[in-house]
């Protein structure tokens, strides 16, 4: 069975491990904070969507999930392009996952109309 709750959890977890590996610069610390918030919000809002009280509430939560996945991809790209990372492929795979999550939430929104 496909478990999007688990997938979003694994994404947030992988992002945290990635951020821990970054060089400790002021810029990376600030960008890392933004990335951690956005990546965690994807799964947190998805869980709330699954407990929503109405279709309108569900749709709003899924839109937030999509927005946070898009924001995660932005922060990952910014970190990737402003650092000479030893684990650049890790950043790229996280960007890919953020993009795939964004597409999944877009698809859920389409089917919810």
PDB file of N, CA and C in Angstrom:
ATOM      1  N   UNK A   1       0.840  -1.200   0.000  1.00  0.00           N
ATOM      2  CA  UNK A   1       0.000   0.000   0.000  1.00  0.00           C
ATOM      3  C   UNK A   1       0.880   1.257   0.000  1.00  0.00           C
ATOM      4  N   UNK A   2       0.434   2.245  -0.735  1.00  0.00           N
ATOM      5  CA  UNK A   2       1.144   3.509  -0.846  1.00  0.00           C
ATOM      6  C   UNK A   2       0.768   4.381   0.351  1.00  0.00           C
ATOM      7  N   UNK A   3       1.755   4.830   1.112  1.00  0.00           N
ATOM      8  CA  UNK A   3       1.487   5.597   2.316  1.00  0.00           C
ATOM      9  C   UNK A   3       2.124   6.980   2.214  1.00  0.00           C
ATOM     10  N   UNK A   4       1.310   7.971   1.865  1.00  0.00           N
ATOM     11  CA  UNK A   4       1.803   9.324   1.699  1.00  0.00           C
ATOM     12  C   UNK A   4       2.191   9.952   3.037  1.00  0.00           C
ATOM     13  N   UNK A   5       1.534   9.547   4.121  1.00  0.00           N
ATOM     14  CA  UNK A   5       1.927  10.047   5.445  1.00  0.00           C
ATOM     15  C   UNK A   5       3.364   9.633   5.750  1.00  0.00           C
ATOM     16  N   UNK A   6       3.698   8.389   5.468  1.00  0.00           N
ATOM     17  CA  UNK A   6       5.062   7.902   5.710  1.00  0.00           C
ATOM     18  C   UNK A   6       6.054   8.576   4.770  1.00  0.00           C
ATOM     19  N   UNK A   7       5.657   8.746   3.517  1.00  0.00           N
ATOM     20  CA  UNK A   7       6.552   9.367   2.537  1.00  0.00           C
ATOM     21  C   UNK A   7       6.879  10.807   2.935  1.00  0.00           C
ATOM     22  N   UNK A   8       5.879  11.560   3.390  1.00  0.00           N
ATOM     23  CA  UNK A   8       6.143  12.937   3.800  1.00  0.00           C
ATOM     24  C   UNK A   8       6.985  12.977   5.073  1.00  0.00           C
ATOM     25  N   UNK A   9       6.802  11.988   5.948  1.00  0.00           N
ATOM     26  CA  UNK A   9       7.647  11.900   7.146  1.00  0.00           C
ATOM     27  C   UNK A   9       9.103  11.646   6.755  1.00  0.00           C
ATOM     28  N   UNK A  10       9.314  10.697   5.853  1.00  0.00           N
ATOM     29  CA  UNK A  10      10.670  10.362   5.408  1.00  0.00           C
ATOM     30  C   UNK A  10      11.332  11.552   4.715  1.00  0.00           C
ATOM     31  N   UNK A  11      10.545  12.335   3.981  1.00  0.00           N
ATOM     32  CA  UNK A  11      11.084  13.539   3.335  1.00  0.00           C
ATOM     33  C   UNK A  11      11.574  14.531   4.394  1.00  0.00           C
ATOM     34  N   UNK A  12      10.734  14.816   5.382  1.00  0.00           N
ATOM     35  CA  UNK A  12      11.120  15.755   6.444  1.00  0.00           C
ATOM     36  C   UNK A  12      12.343  15.249   7.206  1.00  0.00           C
ATOM     37  N   UNK A  13      12.396  13.958   7.454  1.00  0.00           N
ATOM     38  CA  UNK A  13      13.533  13.353   8.156  1.00  0.00           C
ATOM     39  C   UNK A  13      14.817  13.495   7.327  1.00  0.00           C
ATOM     40  N   UNK A  14      14.730  13.191   6.037  1.00  0.00           N
ATOM     41  CA  UNK A  14      15.900  13.295   5.148  1.00  0.00           C
ATOM     42  C   UNK A  14      16.386  14.740   5.054  1.00  0.00           C
ATOM     43  N   UNK A  15      15.451  15.681   5.032  1.00  0.00           N
ATOM     44  CA  UNK A  15      15.832  17.098   4.991  1.00  0.00           C
ATOM     45  C   UNK A  15      16.604  17.464   6.254  1.00  0.00           C
ATOM     46  N   UNK A  16      16.142  17.004   7.406  1.00  0.00           N
ATOM     47  CA  UNK A  16      16.828  17.319   8.659  1.00  0.00           C
ATOM     48  C   UNK A  16      18.246  16.757   8.679  1.00  0.00           C
ATOM     49  N   UNK A  17      18.404  15.548   8.201  1.00  0.00           N
ATOM     50  CA  UNK A  17      19.736  14.944   8.145  1.00  0.00           C
ATOM     51  C   UNK A  17      20.633  15.711   7.169  1.00  0.00           C
ATOM     52  N   UNK A  18      20.051  16.151   6.061  1.00  0.00           N
ATOM     53  CA  UNK A  18      20.794  16.955   5.082  1.00  0.00           C
ATOM     54  C   UNK A  18      21.244  18.278   5.700  1.00  0.00           C
ATOM     55  N   UNK A  19      20.324  18.976   6.376  1.00  0.00           N
ATOM     56  CA  UNK A  19      20.653  20.267   6.980  1.00  0.00           C
ATOM     57  C   UNK A  19      21.760  20.110   8.030  1.00  0.00           C
ATOM     58  N   UNK A  20      21.724  19.020   8.779  1.00  0.00           N
ATOM     59  CA  UNK A  20      22.774  18.761   9.779  1.00  0.00           C
ATOM     60  C   UNK A  20      24.153  18.670   9.133  1.00  0.00           C
ATOM     61  N   UNK A  21      24.195  18.242   7.874  1.00  0.00           N
ATOM     62  CA  UNK A  21      25.478  18.028   7.185  1.00  0.00           C
ATOM     63  C   UNK A  21      26.037  19.304   6.550  1.00  0.00           C
ATOM     64  N   UNK A  22      25.260  20.373   6.538  1.00  0.00           N
ATOM     65  CA  UNK A  22      25.699  21.602   5.864  1.00  0.00           C
ATOM     66  C   UNK A  22      26.806  22.311   6.639  1.00  0.00           C
ATOM     67  N   UNK A  23      27.680  23.026   5.914  1.00  0.00           N
ATOM     68  CA  UNK A  23      28.672  23.868   6.600  1.00  0.00           C
ATOM     69  C   UNK A  23      27.931  24.877   7.492  1.00  0.00           C
ATOM     70  N   UNK A  24      28.453  25.112   8.682  1.00  0.00           N
ATOM     71  CA  UNK A  24      27.775  25.980   9.650  1.00  0.00           C
ATOM     72  C   UNK A  24      28.100  27.455   9.373  1.00  0.00           C
ATOM     73  N   UNK A  25      27.426  28.008   8.360  1.00  0.00           N
ATOM     74  CA  UNK A  25      27.562  29.433   8.069  1.00  0.00           C
ATOM     75  C   UNK A  25      26.248  30.115   8.468  1.00  0.00           C
ATOM     76  N   UNK A  26      26.299  31.415   8.659  1.00  0.00           N
ATOM     77  CA  UNK A  26      25.083  32.155   9.027  1.00  0.00           C
ATOM     78  C   UNK A  26      23.990  31.941   7.977  1.00  0.00           C
ATOM     79  N   UNK A  27      24.364  32.010   6.717  1.00  0.00           N
ATOM     80  CA  UNK A  27      23.400  31.845   5.630  1.00  0.00           C
ATOM     81  C   UNK A  27      22.786  30.446   5.656  1.00  0.00           C
ATOM     82  N   UNK A  28      23.617  29.420   5.796  1.00  0.00           N
ATOM     83  CA  UNK A  28      23.089  28.050   5.825  1.00  0.00           C
ATOM     84  C   UNK A  28      22.203  27.812   7.035  1.00  0.00           C
ATOM     85  N   UNK A  29      22.545  28.407   8.162  1.00  0.00           N
ATOM     86  CA  UNK A  29      21.719  28.244   9.361  1.00  0.00           C
ATOM     87  C   UNK A  29      20.333  28.847   9.117  1.00  0.00           C
ATOM     88  N   UNK A  30      20.303  30.054   8.556  1.00  0.00           N
ATOM     89  CA  UNK A  30      19.008  30.708   8.296  1.00  0.00           C
ATOM     90  C   UNK A  30      18.218  29.970   7.213  1.00  0.00           C
ATOM     91  N   UNK A  31      18.867  29.626   6.093  1.00  0.00           N
ATOM     92  CA  UNK A  31      18.186  28.891   5.024  1.00  0.00           C
ATOM     93  C   UNK A  31      17.741  27.520   5.520  1.00  0.00           C
ATOM     94  N   UNK A  32      18.578  26.887   6.330  1.00  0.00           N
ATOM     95  CA  UNK A  32      18.242  25.583   6.897  1.00  0.00           C
ATOM     96  C   UNK A  32      16.998  25.638   7.771  1.00  0.00           C
ATOM     97  N   UNK A  33      16.866  26.700   8.558  1.00  0.00           N
ATOM     98  CA  UNK A  33      15.668  26.862   9.396  1.00  0.00           C
ATOM     99  C   UNK A  33      14.411  26.942   8.539  1.00  0.00           C
ATOM    100  N   UNK A  34      14.493  27.730   7.466  1.00  0.00           N
ATOM    101  CA  UNK A  34      13.348  27.870   6.559  1.00  0.00           C
ATOM    102  C   UNK A  34      13.003  26.524   5.915  1.00  0.00           C
ATOM    103  N   UNK A  35      14.034  25.809   5.488  1.00  0.00           N
ATOM    104  CA  UNK A  35      13.842  24.511   4.849  1.00  0.00           C
ATOM    105  C   UNK A  35      13.231  23.502   5.813  1.00  0.00           C
ATOM    106  N   UNK A  36      13.709  23.489   7.037  1.00  0.00           N
ATOM    107  CA  UNK A  36      13.185  22.555   8.037  1.00  0.00           C
ATOM    108  C   UNK A  36      11.701  22.830   8.293  1.00  0.00           C
ATOM    109  N   UNK A  37      11.341  24.103   8.424  1.00  0.00           N
ATOM    110  CA  UNK A  37       9.929  24.452   8.664  1.00  0.00           C
ATOM    111  C   UNK A  37       9.050  24.011   7.493  1.00  0.00           C
ATOM    112  N   UNK A  38       9.477  24.336   6.281  1.00  0.00           N
ATOM    113  CA  UNK A  38       8.669  24.007   5.103  1.00  0.00           C
ATOM    114  C   UNK A  38       8.535  22.499   4.919  1.00  0.00           C
ATOM    115  N   UNK A  39       9.639  21.776   5.053  1.00  0.00           N
ATOM    116  CA  UNK A  39       9.591  20.319   4.816  1.00  0.00           C
ATOM    117  C   UNK A  39       8.749  19.605   5.869  1.00  0.00           C
ATOM    118  N   UNK A  40       8.793  20.066   7.101  1.00  0.00           N
ATOM    119  CA  UNK A  40       7.974  19.460   8.146  1.00  0.00           C
ATOM    120  C   UNK A  40       6.503  19.788   7.984  1.00  0.00           C
ATOM    121  N   UNK A  41       6.234  20.957   7.453  1.00  0.00           N
ATOM    122  CA  UNK A  41       4.859  21.405   7.249  1.00  0.00           C
ATOM    123  C   UNK A  41       4.137  20.573   6.187  1.00  0.00           C
ATOM    124  N   UNK A  42       4.871  20.035   5.232  1.00  0.00           N
ATOM    125  CA  UNK A  42       4.255  19.194   4.193  1.00  0.00           C
ATOM    126  C   UNK A  42       3.513  18.034   4.856  1.00  0.00           C
ATOM    127  N   UNK A  43       4.221  17.272   5.671  1.00  0.00           N
ATOM    128  CA  UNK A  43       3.614  16.111   6.321  1.00  0.00           C
ATOM    129  C   UNK A  43       2.624  16.474   7.407  1.00  0.00           C
ATOM    130  N   UNK A  44       2.926  17.532   8.150  1.00  0.00           N
ATOM    131  CA  UNK A  44       2.015  17.953   9.210  1.00  0.00           C
ATOM    132  C   UNK A  44       0.657  18.352   8.657  1.00  0.00           C
ATOM    133  N   UNK A  45       0.664  19.113   7.570  1.00  0.00           N
ATOM    134  CA  UNK A  45      -0.598  19.521   6.959  1.00  0.00           C
ATOM    135  C   UNK A  45      -1.301  18.368   6.261  1.00  0.00           C
ATOM    136  N   UNK A  46      -0.527  17.423   5.728  1.00  0.00           N
ATOM    137  CA  UNK A  46      -1.173  16.258   5.108  1.00  0.00           C
ATOM    138  C   UNK A  46      -1.926  15.445   6.164  1.00  0.00           C
ATOM    139  N   UNK A  47      -1.336  15.287   7.329  1.00  0.00           N
ATOM    140  CA  UNK A  47      -2.016  14.571   8.410  1.00  0.00           C
ATOM    141  C   UNK A  47      -3.289  15.309   8.825  1.00  0.00           C
ATOM    142  N   UNK A  48      -3.199  16.630   8.882  1.00  0.00           N
ATOM    143  CA  UNK A  48      -4.395  17.412   9.221  1.00  0.00           C
ATOM    144  C   UNK A  48      -5.462  17.279   8.137  1.00  0.00           C
ATOM    145  N   UNK A  49      -5.044  17.243   6.878  1.00  0.00           N
ATOM    146  CA  UNK A  49      -6.002  17.068   5.781  1.00  0.00           C
ATOM    147  C   UNK A  49      -6.754  15.750   5.938  1.00  0.00           C
ATOM    148  N   UNK A  50      -6.046  14.712   6.359  1.00  0.00           N
ATOM    149  CA  UNK A  50      -6.675  13.405   6.533  1.00  0.00           C
ATOM    150  C   UNK A  50      -7.676  13.378   7.685  1.00  0.00           C
ATOM    151  N   UNK A  51      -7.592  14.367   8.555  1.00  0.00           N
ATOM    152  CA  UNK A  51      -8.533  14.472   9.679  1.00  0.00           C
ATOM    153  C   UNK A  51      -9.487  15.653   9.486  1.00  0.00           C
ATOM    154  N   UNK A  52      -9.556  16.175   8.282  1.00  0.00           N
ATOM    155  CA  UNK A  52     -10.334  17.392   8.043  1.00  0.00           C
ATOM    156  C   UNK A  52     -11.819  17.181   8.326  1.00  0.00           C
ATOM    157  N   UNK A  53     -12.468  18.281   8.658  1.00  0.00           N
ATOM    158  CA  UNK A  53     -13.880  18.241   9.032  1.00  0.00           C
ATOM    159  C   UNK A  53     -14.801  18.454   7.839  1.00  0.00           C
ATOM    160  N   UNK A  54     -14.249  18.971   6.743  1.00  0.00           N
ATOM    161  CA  UNK A  54     -15.067  19.220   5.556  1.00  0.00           C
ATOM    162  C   UNK A  54     -14.194  19.112   4.310  1.00  0.00           C
ATOM    163  N   UNK A  55     -14.849  19.042   3.160  1.00  0.00           N
ATOM    164  CA  UNK A  55     -14.108  18.995   1.895  1.00  0.00           C
ATOM    165  C   UNK A  55     -13.324  20.298   1.694  1.00  0.00           C
ATOM    166  N   UNK A  56     -13.930  21.422   2.068  1.00  0.00           N
ATOM    167  CA  UNK A  56     -13.268  22.725   1.940  1.00  0.00           C
ATOM    168  C   UNK A  56     -11.987  22.759   2.781  1.00  0.00           C
ATOM    169  N   UNK A  57     -12.064  22.240   3.999  1.00  0.00           N
ATOM    170  CA  UNK A  57     -10.904  22.168   4.892  1.00  0.00           C
ATOM    171  C   UNK A  57      -9.832  21.253   4.292  1.00  0.00           C
ATOM    172  N   UNK A  58     -10.262  20.103   3.753  1.00  0.00           N
ATOM    173  CA  UNK A  58      -9.337  19.157   3.119  1.00  0.00           C
ATOM    174  C   UNK A  58      -8.580  19.832   1.979  1.00  0.00           C
ATOM    175  N   UNK A  59      -9.318  20.493   1.103  1.00  0.00           N
ATOM    176  CA  UNK A  59      -8.712  21.148  -0.066  1.00  0.00           C
ATOM    177  C   UNK A  59      -7.716  22.218   0.377  1.00  0.00           C
ATOM    178  N   UNK A  60      -8.092  23.010   1.386  1.00  0.00           N
ATOM    179  CA  UNK A  60      -7.190  24.054   1.880  1.00  0.00           C
ATOM    180  C   UNK A  60      -5.890  23.436   2.408  1.00  0.00           C
ATOM    181  N   UNK A  61      -5.981  22.362   3.182  1.00  0.00           N
ATOM    182  CA  UNK A  61      -4.794  21.706   3.732  1.00  0.00           C
ATOM    183  C   UNK A  61      -3.906  21.142   2.623  1.00  0.00           C
ATOM    184  N   UNK A  62      -4.517  20.544   1.618  1.00  0.00           N
ATOM    185  CA  UNK A  62      -3.738  19.986   0.505  1.00  0.00           C
ATOM    186  C   UNK A  62      -3.041  21.117  -0.265  1.00  0.00           C
ATOM    187  N   UNK A  63      -3.707  22.257  -0.403  1.00  0.00           N
ATOM    188  CA  UNK A  63      -3.066  23.406  -1.057  1.00  0.00           C
ATOM    189  C   UNK A  63      -1.852  23.859  -0.246  1.00  0.00           C
ATOM    190  N   UNK A  64      -1.965  23.829   1.069  1.00  0.00           N
ATOM    191  CA  UNK A  64      -0.832  24.196   1.924  1.00  0.00           C
ATOM    192  C   UNK A  64       0.297  23.177   1.749  1.00  0.00           C
ATOM    193  N   UNK A  65      -0.043  21.892   1.677  1.00  0.00           N
ATOM    194  CA  UNK A  65       0.975  20.853   1.445  1.00  0.00           C
ATOM    195  C   UNK A  65       1.738  21.137   0.162  1.00  0.00           C
ATOM    196  N   UNK A  66       1.003  21.440  -0.889  1.00  0.00           N
ATOM    197  CA  UNK A  66       1.638  21.723  -2.185  1.00  0.00           C
ATOM    198  C   UNK A  66       2.537  22.956  -2.090  1.00  0.00           C
ATOM    199  N   UNK A  67       2.045  23.999  -1.434  1.00  0.00           N
ATOM    200  CA  UNK A  67       2.806  25.241  -1.265  1.00  0.00           C
ATOM    201  C   UNK A  67       4.098  24.989  -0.488  1.00  0.00           C
ATOM    202  N   UNK A  68       4.012  24.191   0.572  1.00  0.00           N
ATOM    203  CA  UNK A  68       5.188  23.908   1.405  1.00  0.00           C
ATOM    204  C   UNK A  68       6.188  23.015   0.677  1.00  0.00           C
ATOM    205  N   UNK A  69       5.699  22.095  -0.156  1.00  0.00           N
ATOM    206  CA  UNK A  69       6.603  21.266  -0.968  1.00  0.00           C
ATOM    207  C   UNK A  69       7.352  22.147  -1.968  1.00  0.00           C
ATOM    208  N   UNK A  70       6.625  23.094  -2.550  1.00  0.00           N
ATOM    209  CA  UNK A  70       7.229  24.032  -3.505  1.00  0.00           C
ATOM    210  C   UNK A  70       8.273  24.896  -2.796  1.00  0.00           C
ATOM    211  N   UNK A  71       7.950  25.351  -1.591  1.00  0.00           N
ATOM    212  CA  UNK A  71       8.887  26.168  -0.821  1.00  0.00           C
ATOM    213  C   UNK A  71      10.118  25.347  -0.421  1.00  0.00           C
ATOM    214  N   UNK A  72       9.908  24.099  -0.052  1.00  0.00           N
ATOM    215  CA  UNK A  72      11.044  23.222   0.292  1.00  0.00           C
ATOM    216  C   UNK A  72      11.998  23.104  -0.880  1.00  0.00           C
ATOM    217  N   UNK A  73      11.422  22.923  -2.069  1.00  0.00           N
ATOM    218  CA  UNK A  73      12.239  22.813  -3.280  1.00  0.00           C
ATOM    219  C   UNK A  73      13.051  24.101  -3.499  1.00  0.00           C
ATOM    220  N   UNK A  74      12.445  25.246  -3.232  1.00  0.00           N
ATOM    221  CA  UNK A  74      13.125  26.533  -3.373  1.00  0.00           C
ATOM    222  C   UNK A  74      14.332  26.619  -2.442  1.00  0.00           C
ATOM    223  N   UNK A  75      14.131  26.323  -1.155  1.00  0.00           N
ATOM    224  CA  UNK A  75      15.232  26.423  -0.189  1.00  0.00           C
ATOM    225  C   UNK A  75      16.331  25.415  -0.495  1.00  0.00           C
ATOM    226  N   UNK A  76      15.953  24.225  -0.924  1.00  0.00           N
ATOM    227  CA  UNK A  76      16.953  23.216  -1.297  1.00  0.00           C
ATOM    228  C   UNK A  76      17.799  23.708  -2.469  1.00  0.00           C
ATOM    229  N   UNK A  77      17.146  24.277  -3.459  1.00  0.00           N
ATOM    230  CA  UNK A  77      17.885  24.782  -4.625  1.00  0.00           C
ATOM    231  C   UNK A  77      18.816  25.922  -4.222  1.00  0.00           C
ATOM    232  N   UNK A  78      18.321  26.814  -3.378  1.00  0.00           N
ATOM    233  CA  UNK A  78      19.138  27.937  -2.929  1.00  0.00           C
ATOM    234  C   UNK A  78      20.379  27.452  -2.175  1.00  0.00           C
ATOM    235  N   UNK A  79      20.189  26.502  -1.287  1.00  0.00           N
ATOM    236  CA  UNK A  79      21.325  25.930  -0.536  1.00  0.00           C
ATOM    237  C   UNK A  79      22.282  25.229  -1.501  1.00  0.00           C
ATOM    238  N   UNK A  80      21.715  24.451  -2.409  1.00  0.00           N
ATOM    239  CA  UNK A  80      22.523  23.701  -3.377  1.00  0.00           C
ATOM    240  C   UNK A  80      23.370  24.632  -4.231  1.00  0.00           C
ATOM    241  N   UNK A  81      22.779  25.741  -4.687  1.00  0.00           N
ATOM    242  CA  UNK A  81      23.478  26.631  -5.615  1.00  0.00           C
ATOM    243  C   UNK A  81      24.392  27.649  -4.933  1.00  0.00           C
ATOM    244  N   UNK A  82      24.342  27.745  -3.611  1.00  0.00           N
ATOM    245  CA  UNK A  82      25.205  28.706  -2.916  1.00  0.00           C
ATOM    246  C   UNK A  82      26.266  28.024  -2.053  1.00  0.00           C
ATOM    247  N   UNK A  83      26.383  26.720  -2.180  1.00  0.00           N
ATOM    248  CA  UNK A  83      27.391  25.958  -1.449  1.00  0.00           C
ATOM    249  C   UNK A  83      28.117  25.041  -2.415  1.00  0.00           C
ATOM    250  N   UNK A  84      29.338  24.704  -2.089  1.00  0.00           N
ATOM    251  CA  UNK A  84      30.084  23.693  -2.842  1.00  0.00           C
ATOM    252  C   UNK A  84      29.949  22.401  -2.029  1.00  0.00           C
ATOM    253  N   UNK A  85      28.790  21.757  -2.177  1.00  0.00           N
ATOM    254  CA  UNK A  85      28.457  20.625  -1.309  1.00  0.00           C
ATOM    255  C   UNK A  85      29.153  19.338  -1.723  1.00  0.00           C
ATOM    256  N   UNK A  86      29.651  18.613  -0.716  1.00  0.00           N
ATOM    257  CA  UNK A  86      30.214  17.279  -0.970  1.00  0.00           C
ATOM    258  C   UNK A  86      29.085  16.302  -1.305  1.00  0.00           C
ATOM    259  N   UNK A  87      27.892  16.568  -0.765  1.00  0.00           N
ATOM    260  CA  UNK A  87      26.748  15.679  -0.981  1.00  0.00           C
ATOM    261  C   UNK A  87      25.695  16.361  -1.872  1.00  0.00           C
ATOM    262  N   UNK A  88      26.168  16.961  -2.963  1.00  0.00           N
ATOM    263  CA  UNK A  88      25.279  17.675  -3.889  1.00  0.00           C
ATOM    264  C   UNK A  88      24.191  16.762  -4.450  1.00  0.00           C
ATOM    265  N   UNK A  89      24.532  15.485  -4.670  1.00  0.00           N
ATOM    266  CA  UNK A  89      23.523  14.554  -5.202  1.00  0.00           C
ATOM    267  C   UNK A  89      22.388  14.342  -4.202  1.00  0.00           C
ATOM    268  N   UNK A  90      22.690  14.466  -2.926  1.00  0.00           N
ATOM    269  CA  UNK A  90      21.660  14.367  -1.893  1.00  0.00           C
ATOM    270  C   UNK A  90      20.687  15.549  -2.014  1.00  0.00           C
ATOM    271  N   UNK A  91      21.224  16.734  -2.220  1.00  0.00           N
ATOM    272  CA  UNK A  91      20.385  17.929  -2.410  1.00  0.00           C
ATOM    273  C   UNK A  91      19.500  17.760  -3.643  1.00  0.00           C
ATOM    274  N   UNK A  92      20.074  17.226  -4.707  1.00  0.00           N
ATOM    275  CA  UNK A  92      19.311  17.039  -5.940  1.00  0.00           C
ATOM    276  C   UNK A  92      18.193  16.009  -5.763  1.00  0.00           C
ATOM    277  N   UNK A  93      18.471  14.930  -5.044  1.00  0.00           N
ATOM    278  CA  UNK A  93      17.417  13.930  -4.833  1.00  0.00           C
ATOM    279  C   UNK A  93      16.313  14.481  -3.932  1.00  0.00           C
ATOM    280  N   UNK A  94      16.674  15.339  -2.967  1.00  0.00           N
ATOM    281  CA  UNK A  94      15.653  15.974  -2.120  1.00  0.00           C
ATOM    282  C   UNK A  94      14.814  16.968  -2.936  1.00  0.00           C
ATOM    283  N   UNK A  95      15.450  17.691  -3.847  1.00  0.00           N
ATOM    284  CA  UNK A  95      14.695  18.597  -4.729  1.00  0.00           C
ATOM    285  C   UNK A  95      13.728  17.809  -5.597  1.00  0.00           C
ATOM    286  N   UNK A  96      14.189  16.661  -6.082  1.00  0.00           N
ATOM    287  CA  UNK A  96      13.339  15.788  -6.902  1.00  0.00           C
ATOM    288  C   UNK A  96      12.139  15.302  -6.085  1.00  0.00           C
ATOM    289  N   UNK A  97      12.377  14.891  -4.851  1.00  0.00           N
ATOM    290  CA  UNK A  97      11.298  14.412  -3.993  1.00  0.00           C
ATOM    291  C   UNK A  97      10.305  15.544  -3.691  1.00  0.00           C
ATOM    292  N   UNK A  98      10.810  16.746  -3.417  1.00  0.00           N
ATOM    293  CA  UNK A  98       9.920  17.887  -3.180  1.00  0.00           C
ATOM    294  C   UNK A  98       9.051  18.144  -4.403  1.00  0.00           C
ATOM    295  N   UNK A  99       9.648  18.062  -5.576  1.00  0.00           N
ATOM    296  CA  UNK A  99       8.917  18.259  -6.826  1.00  0.00           C
ATOM    297  C   UNK A  99       7.860  17.171  -7.025  1.00  0.00           C
ATOM    298  N   UNK A 100       8.213  15.920  -6.734  1.00  0.00           N
ATOM    299  CA  UNK A 100       7.249  14.827  -6.865  1.00  0.00           C
ATOM    300  C   UNK A 100       6.090  14.988  -5.879  1.00  0.00           C
ATOM    301  N   UNK A 101       6.399  15.404  -4.656  1.00  0.00           N
ATOM    302  CA  UNK A 101       5.340  15.638  -3.665  1.00  0.00           C
ATOM    303  C   UNK A 101       4.415  16.758  -4.142  1.00  0.00           C
ATOM    304  N   UNK A 102       4.989  17.812  -4.699  1.00  0.00           N
ATOM    305  CA  UNK A 102       4.197  18.922  -5.234  1.00  0.00           C
ATOM    306  C   UNK A 102       3.235  18.405  -6.311  1.00  0.00           C
ATOM    307  N   UNK A 103       3.720  17.545  -7.188  1.00  0.00           N
ATOM    308  CA  UNK A 103       2.877  16.981  -8.253  1.00  0.00           C
ATOM    309  C   UNK A 103       1.780  16.079  -7.677  1.00  0.00           C
ATOM    310  N   UNK A 104       2.116  15.304  -6.660  1.00  0.00           N
ATOM    311  CA  UNK A 104       1.125  14.432  -6.018  1.00  0.00           C
ATOM    312  C   UNK A 104       0.001  15.274  -5.413  1.00  0.00           C
ATOM    313  N   UNK A 105       0.367  16.352  -4.706  1.00  0.00           N
ATOM    314  CA  UNK A 105      -0.661  17.198  -4.092  1.00  0.00           C
ATOM    315  C   UNK A 105      -1.478  17.933  -5.155  1.00  0.00           C
ATOM    316  N   UNK A 106      -0.863  18.297  -6.273  1.00  0.00           N
ATOM    317  CA  UNK A 106      -1.606  18.903  -7.385  1.00  0.00           C
ATOM    318  C   UNK A 106      -2.624  17.917  -7.938  1.00  0.00           C
ATOM    319  N   UNK A 107      -2.213  16.667  -8.052  1.00  0.00           N
ATOM    320  CA  UNK A 107      -3.107  15.623  -8.547  1.00  0.00           C
ATOM    321  C   UNK A 107      -4.275  15.388  -7.580  1.00  0.00           C
ATOM    322  N   UNK A 108      -3.991  15.365  -6.296  1.00  0.00           N
ATOM    323  CA  UNK A 108      -5.052  15.214  -5.296  1.00  0.00           C
ATOM    324  C   UNK A 108      -6.048  16.370  -5.402  1.00  0.00           C
ATOM    325  N   UNK A 109      -5.534  17.582  -5.598  1.00  0.00           N
ATOM    326  CA  UNK A 109      -6.414  18.748  -5.749  1.00  0.00           C
ATOM    327  C   UNK A 109      -7.303  18.627  -6.978  1.00  0.00           C
ATOM    328  N   UNK A 110      -6.720  18.174  -8.095  1.00  0.00           N
ATOM    329  CA  UNK A 110      -7.502  17.982  -9.319  1.00  0.00           C
ATOM    330  C   UNK A 110      -8.647  17.005  -9.095  1.00  0.00           C
ATOM    331  N   UNK A 111      -8.360  15.911  -8.399  1.00  0.00           N
ATOM    332  CA  UNK A 111      -9.371  14.875  -8.152  1.00  0.00           C
ATOM    333  C   UNK A 111     -10.402  15.303  -7.110  1.00  0.00           C
ATOM    334  N   UNK A 112     -10.083  16.348  -6.341  1.00  0.00           N
ATOM    335  CA  UNK A 112     -10.992  16.811  -5.284  1.00  0.00           C
ATOM    336  C   UNK A 112     -12.029  17.803  -5.799  1.00  0.00           C
ATOM    337  N   UNK A 113     -11.890  18.225  -7.049  1.00  0.00           N
ATOM    338  CA  UNK A 113     -12.818  19.225  -7.619  1.00  0.00           C
ATOM    339  C   UNK A 113     -14.182  18.617  -7.883  1.00  0.00           C
TER     340      UNK A 113
END
